[in-house]
Amino acid sequence: MSDKPTTPSWRELFEKTVDLGLGAALLTKEAAGRLVDDLVKRGTMTKEDGQKLVSQMLEKGKQQKEKMDTLVHQAIERMVARGDLARQSALEQLERRVKALEEELKGRPSPPGGDCL
């Protein structure tokens, strides 16, 4: 068994980079293509491997973006719940109910002794 560290492969470096966070989610097709083109020019990988890697990077980025969207949505839901804030849809529903009640009251005769509104 050797204590000498081994040099990680490009795939291991990529996986570690992606696992660090949003790297793949922010990766564009052009940026991934440039990275792979550079690796192909250096002779580190074949063109076919490069195309597979670009596809993998973009898919991983899509998955991370979806995961991040879900996490952000959940965080917002928790903040709204904790803040005791009304949703826009609930406010709109209440406005419709108040308007309907006002319309209903307009059609009724006023009670003796004054206006109820």
N, C-alpha and C. Protein backbone atom coordinates (compact mmCIF):
# COMPACT_ATOMS: atom_id res chain seq x y z
N MET A 1 0.84 -1.18 0.00
CA MET A 1 0.00 0.00 0.00
C MET A 1 0.89 1.25 0.00
N SER A 2 0.64 2.17 -0.90
CA SER A 2 1.46 3.37 -1.03
C SER A 2 0.79 4.55 -0.35
N ASP A 3 1.61 5.38 0.29
CA ASP A 3 1.10 6.59 0.93
C ASP A 3 1.09 7.77 -0.04
N LYS A 4 1.62 7.54 -1.24
CA LYS A 4 1.68 8.59 -2.25
C LYS A 4 0.28 8.85 -2.79
N PRO A 5 -0.19 10.14 -2.76
CA PRO A 5 -1.53 10.44 -3.25
C PRO A 5 -1.59 10.25 -4.77
N THR A 6 -2.74 9.79 -5.24
CA THR A 6 -2.94 9.63 -6.68
C THR A 6 -3.60 10.88 -7.23
N THR A 7 -3.31 11.16 -8.48
CA THR A 7 -3.91 12.31 -9.14
C THR A 7 -5.31 11.93 -9.56
N PRO A 8 -6.31 12.75 -9.16
CA PRO A 8 -7.69 12.41 -9.53
C PRO A 8 -7.91 12.56 -11.03
N SER A 9 -8.81 11.75 -11.56
CA SER A 9 -9.15 11.84 -12.98
C SER A 9 -10.03 13.06 -13.22
N TRP A 10 -10.19 13.43 -14.48
CA TRP A 10 -11.05 14.56 -14.80
C TRP A 10 -12.47 14.31 -14.34
N ARG A 11 -12.90 13.03 -14.41
CA ARG A 11 -14.27 12.70 -13.99
C ARG A 11 -14.42 12.89 -12.48
N GLU A 12 -13.41 12.46 -11.72
CA GLU A 12 -13.46 12.64 -10.26
C GLU A 12 -13.45 14.12 -9.90
N LEU A 13 -12.63 14.90 -10.62
CA LEU A 13 -12.61 16.34 -10.37
C LEU A 13 -13.96 16.97 -10.68
N PHE A 14 -14.55 16.55 -11.80
CA PHE A 14 -15.86 17.07 -12.18
C PHE A 14 -16.90 16.73 -11.11
N GLU A 15 -16.92 15.46 -10.69
CA GLU A 15 -17.90 15.04 -9.69
C GLU A 15 -17.73 15.81 -8.39
N LYS A 16 -16.50 16.02 -7.97
CA LYS A 16 -16.26 16.78 -6.74
C LYS A 16 -16.72 18.23 -6.89
N THR A 17 -16.46 18.80 -8.06
CA THR A 17 -16.88 20.18 -8.31
C THR A 17 -18.40 20.30 -8.28
N VAL A 18 -19.07 19.36 -8.94
CA VAL A 18 -20.53 19.38 -9.00
C VAL A 18 -21.10 19.19 -7.60
N ASP A 19 -20.50 18.29 -6.84
CA ASP A 19 -21.00 18.01 -5.50
C ASP A 19 -20.82 19.20 -4.55
N LEU A 20 -19.97 20.14 -4.90
CA LEU A 20 -19.77 21.30 -4.04
C LEU A 20 -20.95 22.25 -4.03
N GLY A 21 -21.83 22.13 -4.98
CA GLY A 21 -22.97 23.03 -4.95
C GLY A 21 -23.60 23.24 -6.29
N LEU A 22 -23.80 24.49 -6.62
CA LEU A 22 -24.57 24.84 -7.79
C LEU A 22 -23.75 24.89 -9.07
N GLY A 23 -22.52 24.43 -9.04
CA GLY A 23 -21.67 24.50 -10.22
C GLY A 23 -22.35 24.00 -11.47
N ALA A 24 -22.91 22.82 -11.41
CA ALA A 24 -23.54 22.25 -12.61
C ALA A 24 -24.84 22.97 -12.95
N ALA A 25 -25.55 23.48 -11.97
CA ALA A 25 -26.81 24.17 -12.23
C ALA A 25 -26.54 25.47 -13.00
N LEU A 26 -25.39 26.06 -12.78
CA LEU A 26 -25.06 27.32 -13.42
C LEU A 26 -24.28 27.12 -14.72
N LEU A 27 -23.93 25.89 -15.00
CA LEU A 27 -23.13 25.58 -16.17
C LEU A 27 -23.96 25.67 -17.44
N THR A 28 -23.48 26.43 -18.39
CA THR A 28 -24.18 26.54 -19.67
C THR A 28 -23.63 25.51 -20.63
N LYS A 29 -24.38 25.26 -21.68
CA LYS A 29 -23.94 24.30 -22.69
C LYS A 29 -22.63 24.78 -23.32
N GLU A 30 -22.51 26.08 -23.54
CA GLU A 30 -21.30 26.63 -24.15
C GLU A 30 -20.10 26.45 -23.22
N ALA A 31 -20.27 26.74 -21.93
CA ALA A 31 -19.18 26.60 -20.98
C ALA A 31 -18.76 25.14 -20.86
N ALA A 32 -19.74 24.25 -20.82
CA ALA A 32 -19.42 22.82 -20.73
C ALA A 32 -18.68 22.39 -21.99
N GLY A 33 -19.12 22.89 -23.14
CA GLY A 33 -18.46 22.55 -24.40
C GLY A 33 -17.02 23.04 -24.43
N ARG A 34 -16.78 24.26 -23.94
CA ARG A 34 -15.41 24.79 -23.90
C ARG A 34 -14.53 23.95 -23.00
N LEU A 35 -15.07 23.56 -21.84
CA LEU A 35 -14.31 22.74 -20.90
C LEU A 35 -13.94 21.41 -21.54
N VAL A 36 -14.90 20.78 -22.17
CA VAL A 36 -14.66 19.48 -22.80
C VAL A 36 -13.71 19.63 -23.98
N ASP A 37 -13.88 20.68 -24.80
CA ASP A 37 -12.97 20.91 -25.93
C ASP A 37 -11.54 21.03 -25.44
N ASP A 38 -11.35 21.72 -24.33
CA ASP A 38 -10.02 21.87 -23.76
C ASP A 38 -9.45 20.52 -23.32
N LEU A 39 -10.29 19.70 -22.68
CA LEU A 39 -9.83 18.37 -22.26
C LEU A 39 -9.51 17.48 -23.46
N VAL A 40 -10.28 17.61 -24.53
CA VAL A 40 -10.03 16.83 -25.75
C VAL A 40 -8.71 17.28 -26.38
N LYS A 41 -8.48 18.60 -26.45
CA LYS A 41 -7.24 19.13 -27.02
C LYS A 41 -6.02 18.66 -26.24
N ARG A 42 -6.16 18.57 -24.93
CA ARG A 42 -5.06 18.11 -24.09
C ARG A 42 -4.83 16.60 -24.21
N GLY A 43 -5.79 15.93 -24.85
CA GLY A 43 -5.65 14.49 -24.99
C GLY A 43 -6.11 13.72 -23.77
N THR A 44 -6.81 14.40 -22.87
CA THR A 44 -7.29 13.77 -21.65
C THR A 44 -8.49 12.88 -21.90
N MET A 45 -9.22 13.17 -22.98
CA MET A 45 -10.40 12.36 -23.30
C MET A 45 -10.66 12.40 -24.79
N THR A 46 -11.48 11.47 -25.24
CA THR A 46 -11.86 11.44 -26.65
C THR A 46 -13.03 12.38 -26.90
N LYS A 47 -13.27 12.66 -28.16
CA LYS A 47 -14.40 13.52 -28.53
C LYS A 47 -15.72 12.89 -28.08
N GLU A 48 -15.85 11.55 -28.23
CA GLU A 48 -17.08 10.85 -27.83
C GLU A 48 -17.28 10.96 -26.32
N ASP A 49 -16.18 10.74 -25.57
CA ASP A 49 -16.28 10.87 -24.11
C ASP A 49 -16.66 12.30 -23.74
N GLY A 50 -16.12 13.25 -24.49
CA GLY A 50 -16.43 14.66 -24.24
C GLY A 50 -17.89 14.96 -24.45
N GLN A 51 -18.46 14.42 -25.53
CA GLN A 51 -19.88 14.64 -25.79
C GLN A 51 -20.74 14.01 -24.70
N LYS A 52 -20.34 12.82 -24.24
CA LYS A 52 -21.08 12.18 -23.15
C LYS A 52 -20.98 13.02 -21.88
N LEU A 53 -19.80 13.55 -21.62
CA LEU A 53 -19.60 14.36 -20.42
C LEU A 53 -20.45 15.63 -20.46
N VAL A 54 -20.51 16.28 -21.62
CA VAL A 54 -21.35 17.48 -21.74
C VAL A 54 -22.79 17.13 -21.43
N SER A 55 -23.27 16.03 -22.00
CA SER A 55 -24.65 15.60 -21.73
C SER A 55 -24.86 15.33 -20.25
N GLN A 56 -23.91 14.66 -19.64
CA GLN A 56 -24.02 14.36 -18.21
C GLN A 56 -24.00 15.63 -17.37
N MET A 57 -23.12 16.57 -17.74
CA MET A 57 -23.04 17.82 -16.98
C MET A 57 -24.33 18.61 -17.09
N LEU A 58 -24.87 18.67 -18.30
CA LEU A 58 -26.12 19.43 -18.48
C LEU A 58 -27.28 18.77 -17.75
N GLU A 59 -27.34 17.44 -17.77
CA GLU A 59 -28.41 16.73 -17.06
C GLU A 59 -28.27 16.95 -15.55
N LYS A 60 -27.04 16.85 -15.06
CA LYS A 60 -26.78 17.06 -13.63
C LYS A 60 -27.17 18.50 -13.26
N GLY A 61 -26.86 19.44 -14.14
CA GLY A 61 -27.22 20.84 -13.89
C GLY A 61 -28.72 21.03 -13.83
N LYS A 62 -29.43 20.37 -14.73
CA LYS A 62 -30.89 20.45 -14.75
C LYS A 62 -31.46 19.88 -13.45
N GLN A 63 -30.93 18.75 -13.02
CA GLN A 63 -31.39 18.13 -11.77
C GLN A 63 -31.12 19.03 -10.57
N GLN A 64 -29.93 19.63 -10.55
CA GLN A 64 -29.60 20.52 -9.43
C GLN A 64 -30.48 21.76 -9.43
N LYS A 65 -30.77 22.28 -10.61
CA LYS A 65 -31.64 23.46 -10.68
C LYS A 65 -33.03 23.12 -10.16
N GLU A 66 -33.56 21.97 -10.57
CA GLU A 66 -34.88 21.54 -10.10
C GLU A 66 -34.87 21.36 -8.59
N LYS A 67 -33.80 20.76 -8.08
CA LYS A 67 -33.69 20.56 -6.63
C LYS A 67 -33.62 21.90 -5.90
N MET A 68 -32.85 22.84 -6.47
CA MET A 68 -32.74 24.16 -5.86
C MET A 68 -34.07 24.90 -5.90
N ASP A 69 -34.79 24.80 -7.02
CA ASP A 69 -36.11 25.42 -7.12
C ASP A 69 -37.04 24.88 -6.03
N THR A 70 -37.01 23.57 -5.82
CA THR A 70 -37.83 22.94 -4.79
C THR A 70 -37.45 23.46 -3.40
N LEU A 71 -36.14 23.52 -3.13
CA LEU A 71 -35.68 23.99 -1.82
C LEU A 71 -36.07 25.44 -1.58
N VAL A 72 -35.95 26.28 -2.60
CA VAL A 72 -36.33 27.68 -2.46
C VAL A 72 -37.83 27.81 -2.22
N HIS A 73 -38.62 27.03 -2.98
CA HIS A 73 -40.07 27.05 -2.81
C HIS A 73 -40.44 26.63 -1.38
N GLN A 74 -39.81 25.58 -0.88
CA GLN A 74 -40.11 25.10 0.48
C GLN A 74 -39.71 26.15 1.52
N ALA A 75 -38.58 26.81 1.30
CA ALA A 75 -38.14 27.84 2.24
C ALA A 75 -39.12 29.01 2.27
N ILE A 76 -39.61 29.39 1.11
CA ILE A 76 -40.59 30.48 1.03
C ILE A 76 -41.88 30.08 1.73
N GLU A 77 -42.31 28.84 1.49
CA GLU A 77 -43.53 28.35 2.16
C GLU A 77 -43.38 28.42 3.68
N ARG A 78 -42.22 28.02 4.19
CA ARG A 78 -41.99 28.07 5.65
C ARG A 78 -42.00 29.51 6.15
N MET A 79 -41.39 30.42 5.39
CA MET A 79 -41.35 31.82 5.82
C MET A 79 -42.74 32.42 5.83
N VAL A 80 -43.54 32.10 4.84
CA VAL A 80 -44.91 32.61 4.78
C VAL A 80 -45.70 32.07 5.96
N ALA A 81 -45.54 30.78 6.24
CA ALA A 81 -46.28 30.17 7.35
C ALA A 81 -45.86 30.77 8.69
N ARG A 82 -44.56 30.96 8.87
CA ARG A 82 -44.06 31.53 10.13
C ARG A 82 -44.44 33.00 10.27
N GLY A 83 -44.50 33.70 9.16
CA GLY A 83 -44.79 35.13 9.20
C GLY A 83 -46.27 35.43 9.31
N ASP A 84 -47.10 34.39 9.34
CA ASP A 84 -48.54 34.56 9.43
C ASP A 84 -49.04 35.51 8.35
N LEU A 85 -48.56 35.30 7.14
CA LEU A 85 -48.92 36.14 6.01
C LEU A 85 -50.02 35.48 5.20
N ALA A 86 -50.90 36.30 4.70
CA ALA A 86 -51.98 35.78 3.86
C ALA A 86 -51.49 35.66 2.42
N ARG A 87 -51.93 34.64 1.75
CA ARG A 87 -51.61 34.46 0.35
C ARG A 87 -52.47 35.40 -0.49
N GLN A 88 -51.95 35.76 -1.64
CA GLN A 88 -52.69 36.62 -2.56
C GLN A 88 -54.02 35.99 -2.91
N SER A 89 -54.04 34.68 -3.15
CA SER A 89 -55.28 34.00 -3.52
C SER A 89 -56.31 34.07 -2.40
N ALA A 90 -55.87 33.99 -1.15
CA ALA A 90 -56.79 34.08 -0.02
C ALA A 90 -57.37 35.50 0.08
N LEU A 91 -56.53 36.50 -0.14
CA LEU A 91 -57.01 37.88 -0.11
C LEU A 91 -58.02 38.14 -1.22
N GLU A 92 -57.73 37.61 -2.40
CA GLU A 92 -58.66 37.79 -3.52
C GLU A 92 -59.99 37.10 -3.24
N GLN A 93 -59.94 35.94 -2.62
CA GLN A 93 -61.18 35.23 -2.28
C GLN A 93 -61.99 36.04 -1.26
N LEU A 94 -61.32 36.59 -0.27
CA LEU A 94 -62.02 37.42 0.72
C LEU A 94 -62.62 38.67 0.07
N GLU A 95 -61.90 39.28 -0.84
CA GLU A 95 -62.43 40.46 -1.54
C GLU A 95 -63.69 40.10 -2.33
N ARG A 96 -63.69 38.95 -2.99
CA ARG A 96 -64.87 38.52 -3.73
C ARG A 96 -66.06 38.30 -2.78
N ARG A 97 -65.81 37.68 -1.62
CA ARG A 97 -66.88 37.43 -0.66
C ARG A 97 -67.45 38.74 -0.12
N VAL A 98 -66.57 39.69 0.19
CA VAL A 98 -67.02 40.99 0.71
C VAL A 98 -67.86 41.70 -0.36
N LYS A 99 -67.37 41.67 -1.59
CA LYS A 99 -68.11 42.32 -2.68
C LYS A 99 -69.48 41.68 -2.86
N ALA A 100 -69.54 40.34 -2.79
CA ALA A 100 -70.82 39.64 -2.94
C ALA A 100 -71.76 40.02 -1.80
N LEU A 101 -71.26 40.10 -0.59
CA LEU A 101 -72.09 40.48 0.55
C LEU A 101 -72.57 41.92 0.41
N GLU A 102 -71.70 42.82 -0.07
CA GLU A 102 -72.11 44.20 -0.28
C GLU A 102 -73.22 44.28 -1.32
N GLU A 103 -73.08 43.51 -2.38
CA GLU A 103 -74.12 43.50 -3.42
C GLU A 103 -75.43 42.97 -2.86
N GLU A 104 -75.33 41.93 -2.04
CA GLU A 104 -76.52 41.35 -1.43
C GLU A 104 -77.20 42.36 -0.51
N LEU A 105 -76.41 43.11 0.23
CA LEU A 105 -76.97 44.10 1.16
C LEU A 105 -77.58 45.30 0.42
N LYS A 106 -77.06 45.64 -0.74
CA LYS A 106 -77.61 46.75 -1.52
C LYS A 106 -79.05 46.47 -1.94
N GLY A 107 -79.37 45.23 -2.18
CA GLY A 107 -80.72 44.86 -2.63
C GLY A 107 -81.73 44.80 -1.51
N ARG A 108 -81.29 44.82 -0.28
CA ARG A 108 -82.22 44.72 0.86
C ARG A 108 -82.62 46.12 1.31
N PRO A 109 -83.81 46.21 1.85
CA PRO A 109 -84.21 47.52 2.40
C PRO A 109 -83.42 47.79 3.69
N SER A 110 -83.18 49.04 3.91
CA SER A 110 -82.45 49.44 5.13
C SER A 110 -83.31 49.17 6.35
N PRO A 111 -82.68 48.73 7.44
CA PRO A 111 -83.46 48.50 8.66
C PRO A 111 -83.92 49.85 9.24
N PRO A 112 -85.02 49.82 9.97
CA PRO A 112 -85.49 51.06 10.56
C PRO A 112 -84.43 51.60 11.52
N GLY A 113 -84.22 52.88 11.49
CA GLY A 113 -83.29 53.50 12.41
C GLY A 113 -81.92 53.73 11.82
N GLY A 114 -81.71 53.45 10.57
CA GLY A 114 -80.40 53.82 10.00
C GLY A 114 -79.78 52.73 9.16
N ASP A 115 -78.59 53.07 8.73
CA ASP A 115 -77.83 52.21 7.84
C ASP A 115 -77.01 51.21 8.66
N CYS A 116 -76.92 49.98 8.20
CA CYS A 116 -76.16 48.98 8.93
C CYS A 116 -74.70 48.98 8.53
N LEU A 117 -74.35 49.68 7.45
CA LEU A 117 -72.96 49.75 7.04
C LEU A 117 -72.40 50.98 7.60
